[in-house]
C-alpha atoms as a PDB file:
ATOM      1  CA  MET A   1      -0.016   0.051   0.039  1.00  0.00           C
ATOM      2  CA  SER A   2       1.121   3.479  -0.738  1.00  0.00           C
ATOM      3  CA  LYS A   3       1.314   5.847   2.210  1.00  0.00           C
ATOM      4  CA  ILE A   4       1.165   8.824  -0.021  1.00  0.00           C
ATOM      5  CA  GLY A   5      -1.581   7.530  -2.353  1.00  0.00           C
ATOM      6  CA  LYS A   6      -3.950   6.612   0.448  1.00  0.00           C
ATOM      7  CA  THR A   7      -4.417  10.158   1.625  1.00  0.00           C
ATOM      8  CA  ASN A   8      -7.124  12.300   0.188  1.00  0.00           C
ATOM      9  CA  ILE A   9      -6.392  15.644  -1.473  1.00  0.00           C
ATOM     10  CA  SER A  10      -8.536  18.573  -0.141  1.00  0.00           C
ATOM     11  CA  ILE A  11      -9.687  21.004  -2.827  1.00  0.00           C
ATOM     12  CA  PRO A  12      -9.633  24.766  -1.826  1.00  0.00           C
ATOM     13  CA  GLU A  13     -12.764  26.730  -2.424  1.00  0.00           C
ATOM     14  CA  LYS A  14     -11.658  28.691  -5.540  1.00  0.00           C
ATOM     15  CA  VAL A  15     -10.428  25.610  -7.282  1.00  0.00           C
ATOM     16  CA  LYS A  16     -12.567  23.411  -9.692  1.00  0.00           C
ATOM     17  CA  VAL A  17     -11.707  19.885 -10.659  1.00  0.00           C
ATOM     18  CA  ILE A  18     -13.428  18.113 -13.474  1.00  0.00           C
ATOM     19  CA  LEU A  19     -12.779  14.776 -14.820  1.00  0.00           C
ATOM     20  CA  ASN A  20     -13.511  14.242 -18.654  1.00  0.00           C
ATOM     21  CA  GLY A  21     -12.775  10.828 -19.714  1.00  0.00           C
ATOM     22  CA  ASN A  22      -9.120  10.270 -18.788  1.00  0.00           C
ATOM     23  CA  LEU A  23      -8.219  14.142 -18.552  1.00  0.00           C
ATOM     24  CA  LEU A  24      -8.431  15.807 -15.196  1.00  0.00           C
ATOM     25  CA  ASN A  25      -8.948  19.500 -15.596  1.00  0.00           C
ATOM     26  CA  ILE A  26      -7.877  21.760 -12.672  1.00  0.00           C
ATOM     27  CA  GLU A  27      -8.836  25.485 -12.892  1.00  0.00           C
ATOM     28  CA  GLY A  28      -7.984  27.991 -10.094  1.00  0.00           C
ATOM     29  CA  PRO A  29      -7.282  31.703  -9.757  1.00  0.00           C
ATOM     30  CA  LEU A  30      -3.694  31.282 -10.791  1.00  0.00           C
ATOM     31  CA  GLY A  31      -4.046  29.124 -13.891  1.00  0.00           C
ATOM     32  CA  LYS A  32      -5.413  25.929 -15.501  1.00  0.00           C
ATOM     33  CA  LYS A  33      -3.757  22.491 -15.748  1.00  0.00           C
ATOM     34  CA  SER A  34      -4.972  19.282 -17.290  1.00  0.00           C
ATOM     35  CA  LEU A  35      -3.585  15.971 -16.290  1.00  0.00           C
ATOM     36  CA  ASN A  36      -3.735  12.590 -18.224  1.00  0.00           C
ATOM     37  CA  ILE A  37      -4.647   9.766 -15.785  1.00  0.00           C
ATOM     38  CA  ASP A  38      -5.004   6.113 -16.722  1.00  0.00           C
ATOM     39  CA  ILE A  39      -8.641   5.389 -15.978  1.00  0.00           C
ATOM     40  CA  ASN A  40      -7.983   1.624 -16.675  1.00  0.00           C
ATOM     41  CA  MET A  41      -5.540   1.546 -13.843  1.00  0.00           C
ATOM     42  CA  PHE A  42      -7.012   3.962 -11.262  1.00  0.00           C
ATOM     43  CA  ASP A  43     -10.452   5.020  -9.821  1.00  0.00           C
ATOM     44  CA  LEU A  44     -10.567   8.706  -9.351  1.00  0.00           C
ATOM     45  CA  LYS A  45     -13.366  10.061  -6.961  1.00  0.00           C
ATOM     46  CA  ILE A  46     -14.286  13.606  -6.583  1.00  0.00           C
ATOM     47  CA  ASP A  47     -16.358  14.233  -3.316  1.00  0.00           C
ATOM     48  CA  ASP A  48     -18.805  17.264  -3.972  1.00  0.00           C
ATOM     49  CA  GLY A  49     -15.927  19.470  -5.074  1.00  0.00           C
ATOM     50  CA  LYS A  50     -14.267  19.177  -1.530  1.00  0.00           C
ATOM     51  CA  SER A  51     -11.752  16.363  -1.969  1.00  0.00           C
ATOM     52  CA  VAL A  52     -10.187  14.126  -4.492  1.00  0.00           C
ATOM     53  CA  SER A  53      -9.181  10.403  -3.846  1.00  0.00           C
ATOM     54  CA  ILE A  54      -7.222   8.062  -6.167  1.00  0.00           C
ATOM     55  CA  LYS A  55      -7.303   4.311  -5.723  1.00  0.00           C
ATOM     56  CA  PRO A  56      -5.860   1.453  -7.998  1.00  0.00           C
ATOM     57  CA  LYS A  57      -8.368  -0.865  -9.480  1.00  0.00           C
ATOM     58  CA  ASN A  58      -6.117  -3.910  -8.774  1.00  0.00           C
ATOM     59  CA  ILE A  59      -3.008  -3.820  -6.691  1.00  0.00           C
ATOM     60  CA  ASN A  60       0.180  -5.216  -8.317  1.00  0.00           C
ATOM     61  CA  GLN A  61       3.860  -3.895  -8.408  1.00  0.00           C
ATOM     62  CA  GLU A  62       3.150  -1.506 -11.241  1.00  0.00           C
ATOM     63  CA  THR A  63       0.182   0.244  -9.766  1.00  0.00           C
ATOM     64  CA  LYS A  64       1.899   0.403  -6.433  1.00  0.00           C
ATOM     65  CA  ARG A  65       4.754   2.475  -8.070  1.00  0.00           C
ATOM     66  CA  LEU A  66       2.511   4.775  -9.908  1.00  0.00           C
ATOM     67  CA  TRP A  67      -0.236   5.192  -7.239  1.00  0.00           C
ATOM     68  CA  GLY A  68       1.691   7.782  -5.103  1.00  0.00           C
ATOM     69  CA  MET A  69       3.127   9.523  -8.148  1.00  0.00           C
ATOM     70  CA  ASN A  70      -0.260  10.269  -9.604  1.00  0.00           C
ATOM     71  CA  ARG A  71      -1.597  11.443  -6.307  1.00  0.00           C
ATOM     72  CA  SER A  72       1.429  13.861  -6.008  1.00  0.00           C
ATOM     73  CA  LEU A  73       0.943  15.179  -9.521  1.00  0.00           C
ATOM     74  CA  VAL A  74      -2.763  15.874  -8.813  1.00  0.00           C
ATOM     75  CA  ASN A  75      -1.842  17.561  -5.388  1.00  0.00           C
ATOM     76  CA  ASN A  76       0.880  19.651  -7.075  1.00  0.00           C
ATOM     77  CA  ALA A  77      -1.623  20.842  -9.760  1.00  0.00           C
ATOM     78  CA  ILE A  78      -4.199  21.849  -7.185  1.00  0.00           C
ATOM     79  CA  ILE A  79      -1.774  23.748  -4.936  1.00  0.00           C
ATOM     80  CA  GLY A  80      -0.323  25.465  -8.155  1.00  0.00           C
ATOM     81  CA  ALA A  81      -3.776  26.546  -9.241  1.00  0.00           C
ATOM     82  CA  SER A  82      -4.626  28.015  -5.824  1.00  0.00           C
ATOM     83  CA  LYS A  83      -1.411  29.255  -4.209  1.00  0.00           C
ATOM     84  CA  GLY A  84       1.232  28.875  -6.922  1.00  0.00           C
ATOM     85  CA  TYR A  85       4.941  27.992  -6.492  1.00  0.00           C
ATOM     86  CA  SER A  86       7.898  30.318  -6.015  1.00  0.00           C
ATOM     87  CA  LYS A  87      11.638  30.064  -5.800  1.00  0.00           C
ATOM     88  CA  THR A  88      14.218  32.779  -4.746  1.00  0.00           C
ATOM     89  CA  LEU A  89      17.737  32.935  -6.192  1.00  0.00           C
ATOM     90  CA  GLU A  90      20.660  35.019  -4.929  1.00  0.00           C
ATOM     91  CA  LEU A  91      23.526  36.329  -6.842  1.00  0.00           C
ATOM     92  CA  ASN A  92      26.885  36.294  -4.902  1.00  0.00           C
ATOM     93  CA  GLY A  93      30.012  37.979  -6.253  1.00  0.00           C
ATOM     94  CA  VAL A  94      31.428  41.330  -6.972  1.00  0.00           C
ATOM     95  CA  GLY A  95      29.641  43.198  -9.663  1.00  0.00           C
ATOM     96  CA  TYR A  96      27.013  40.406 -10.060  1.00  0.00           C
ATOM     97  CA  ARG A  97      23.496  41.901 -10.653  1.00  0.00           C
ATOM     98  CA  ALA A  98      20.377  41.128 -12.605  1.00  0.00           C
ATOM     99  CA  SER A  99      17.607  43.432 -14.156  1.00  0.00           C
ATOM    100  CA  LEU A 100      14.634  42.918 -16.264  1.00  0.00           C
ATOM    101  CA  LYS A 101      14.430  44.228 -19.883  1.00  0.00           C
ATOM    102  CA  GLY A 102      11.017  43.557 -21.146  1.00  0.00           C
ATOM    103  CA  LYS A 103      10.572  39.706 -21.502  1.00  0.00           C
ATOM    104  CA  GLN A 104      14.279  39.025 -20.808  1.00  0.00           C
ATOM    105  CA  LEU A 105      16.189  38.671 -17.688  1.00  0.00           C
ATOM    106  CA  SER A 106      19.575  40.418 -18.122  1.00  0.00           C
ATOM    107  CA  MET A 107      22.411  39.349 -15.753  1.00  0.00           C
ATOM    108  CA  GLN A 108      25.932  40.547 -15.316  1.00  0.00           C
ATOM    109  CA  LEU A 109      27.780  37.516 -13.887  1.00  0.00           C
ATOM    110  CA  GLY A 110      31.551  38.292 -14.400  1.00  0.00           C
ATOM    111  CA  PHE A 111      31.654  37.297 -17.989  1.00  0.00           C
ATOM    112  CA  SER A 112      32.965  39.591 -20.883  1.00  0.00           C
ATOM    113  CA  HIS A 113      29.218  39.894 -21.912  1.00  0.00           C
ATOM    114  CA  ASP A 114      25.669  40.274 -20.292  1.00  0.00           C
ATOM    115  CA  VAL A 115      23.756  37.102 -20.187  1.00  0.00           C
ATOM    116  CA  ASN A 116      20.051  37.203 -21.409  1.00  0.00           C
ATOM    117  CA  PHE A 117      17.463  34.654 -20.343  1.00  0.00           C
ATOM    118  CA  ASP A 118      14.223  34.581 -22.140  1.00  0.00           C
ATOM    119  CA  ILE A 119      11.208  34.373 -19.681  1.00  0.00           C
ATOM    120  CA  PRO A 120       8.351  32.077 -20.705  1.00  0.00           C
ATOM    121  CA  ASP A 121       4.810  33.335 -20.606  1.00  0.00           C
ATOM    122  CA  THR A 122       3.552  31.082 -17.800  1.00  0.00           C
ATOM    123  CA  ILE A 123       6.343  32.305 -15.430  1.00  0.00           C
ATOM    124  CA  LYS A 124       6.613  35.632 -13.688  1.00  0.00           C
ATOM    125  CA  ILE A 125      10.075  36.790 -12.769  1.00  0.00           C
ATOM    126  CA  THR A 126      10.774  39.721 -10.417  1.00  0.00           C
ATOM    127  CA  VAL A 127      14.240  41.329  -9.418  1.00  0.00           C
ATOM    128  CA  GLU A 128      13.800  42.547  -5.819  1.00  0.00           C
ATOM    129  CA  LYS A 129      17.258  43.905  -5.311  1.00  0.00           C
ATOM    130  CA  GLN A 130      19.786  43.717  -8.009  1.00  0.00           C
ATOM    131  CA  THR A 131      21.130  40.434  -6.458  1.00  0.00           C
ATOM    132  CA  ILE A 132      17.767  38.753  -5.549  1.00  0.00           C
ATOM    133  CA  ILE A 133      15.561  37.073  -8.182  1.00  0.00           C
ATOM    134  CA  LYS A 134      12.065  35.759  -7.484  1.00  0.00           C
ATOM    135  CA  ILE A 135      10.517  33.142  -9.797  1.00  0.00           C
ATOM    136  CA  ASN A 136       6.711  32.668  -9.603  1.00  0.00           C
ATOM    137  CA  GLY A 137       4.377  30.252 -11.443  1.00  0.00           C
ATOM    138  CA  SER A 138       1.515  27.769 -11.175  1.00  0.00           C
ATOM    139  CA  ASP A 139       3.482  24.708 -12.377  1.00  0.00           C
ATOM    140  CA  LYS A 140       5.880  23.321  -9.916  1.00  0.00           C
ATOM    141  CA  GLN A 141       7.931  21.403 -12.359  1.00  0.00           C
ATOM    142  CA  GLU A 142       8.276  24.393 -14.740  1.00  0.00           C
ATOM    143  CA  VAL A 143       9.347  26.777 -11.766  1.00  0.00           C
ATOM    144  CA  GLY A 144      11.991  24.385 -10.716  1.00  0.00           C
ATOM    145  CA  MET A 145      13.250  23.905 -14.250  1.00  0.00           C
ATOM    146  CA  ILE A 146      13.555  27.850 -14.940  1.00  0.00           C
ATOM    147  CA  ALA A 147      15.331  28.031 -11.483  1.00  0.00           C
ATOM    148  CA  SER A 148      17.791  25.281 -12.373  1.00  0.00           C
ATOM    149  CA  LYS A 149      18.504  26.745 -15.895  1.00  0.00           C
ATOM    150  CA  ILE A 150      19.341  30.072 -14.378  1.00  0.00           C
ATOM    151  CA  LYS A 151      21.493  28.588 -11.703  1.00  0.00           C
ATOM    152  CA  SER A 152      23.437  26.448 -14.307  1.00  0.00           C
ATOM    153  CA  ILE A 153      24.528  29.642 -15.966  1.00  0.00           C
ATOM    154  CA  ARG A 154      26.993  30.444 -13.116  1.00  0.00           C
ATOM    155  CA  PRO A 155      26.909  27.565 -10.475  1.00  0.00           C
ATOM    156  CA  PRO A 156      28.322  28.656  -6.976  1.00  0.00           C
ATOM    157  CA  GLU A 157      32.073  27.750  -6.883  1.00  0.00           C
ATOM    158  CA  PRO A 158      33.488  26.278  -3.570  1.00  0.00           C
ATOM    159  CA  TYR A 159      36.284  28.710  -2.766  1.00  0.00           C
ATOM    160  CA  LYS A 160      34.687  32.162  -2.512  1.00  0.00           C
ATOM    161  CA  GLY A 161      31.043  31.184  -2.998  1.00  0.00           C
ATOM    162  CA  LYS A 162      30.507  33.246  -6.153  1.00  0.00           C
ATOM    163  CA  GLY A 163      27.682  32.412  -8.482  1.00  0.00           C
ATOM    164  CA  ILE A 164      23.930  31.856  -8.379  1.00  0.00           C
ATOM    165  CA  LYS A 165      22.362  29.877  -5.633  1.00  0.00           C
ATOM    166  CA  GLU A 166      18.963  29.196  -4.170  1.00  0.00           C
ATOM    167  CA  GLN A 167      18.009  31.101  -0.988  1.00  0.00           C
ATOM    168  CA  GLY A 168      19.171  28.979   2.028  1.00  0.00           C
ATOM    169  CA  GLN A 169      21.173  26.451  -0.171  1.00  0.00           C
ATOM    170  CA  TYR A 170      24.435  25.397   1.616  1.00  0.00           C
ATOM    171  CA  ILE A 171      27.644  25.562  -0.430  1.00  0.00           C
ATOM    172  CA  LEU A 172      30.415  23.343   0.569  1.00  0.00           C
ATOM    173  CA  ARG A 173      33.376  25.597   1.134  1.00  0.00           C
ATOM    174  CA  LYS A 174      36.990  24.626   0.568  1.00  0.00           C
ATOM    175  CA  GLU A 175      40.146  26.056   2.031  1.00  0.00           C
ATOM    176  CA  GLY A 176      42.421  27.964  -0.354  1.00  0.00           C
ATOM    177  CA  LYS A 177      46.159  27.419  -0.852  1.00  0.00           C
ATOM    178  CA  LYS A 178      48.395  27.310   2.244  1.00  0.00           C
ATOM    179  CA  LYS A 179      51.974  28.585   2.495  1.00  0.00           C
END
């Protein structure tokens, strides 16, 4: 039995969950998401728009693996439609700064040129200070993907800690040369 799969998902008041065939449509104040769920493998029950439960039709090794994952995907889509997801990135280094230019994030990261990052339509990026970037969106996977792409432009190095890191991320520091 899946510990994650057994628990029901509560639906907030502003979110609508509708099942059409094998498509689960989720609409909320922050966006829409449709998930493809295998109806031959799982029973999906929506109780008066208050909660969603997912149960396998027959329990075997394959359905046990997919049960918790499908429940987590539905839960993440409901949370994304109601509250949304956000990540905060910090730029550490002398002269490292970011700014918004239209639909592009322009960053100065110690290279000989500025790095421009195109912002997708579903993601909202704000630059609070010149060294703090906030990424907001309704899709958890997309917010994490954009954050990791921005971090990969200049990952933090272990000697001085210069680079782009997530807020609260620990960087393993190394000692420099000794005499």
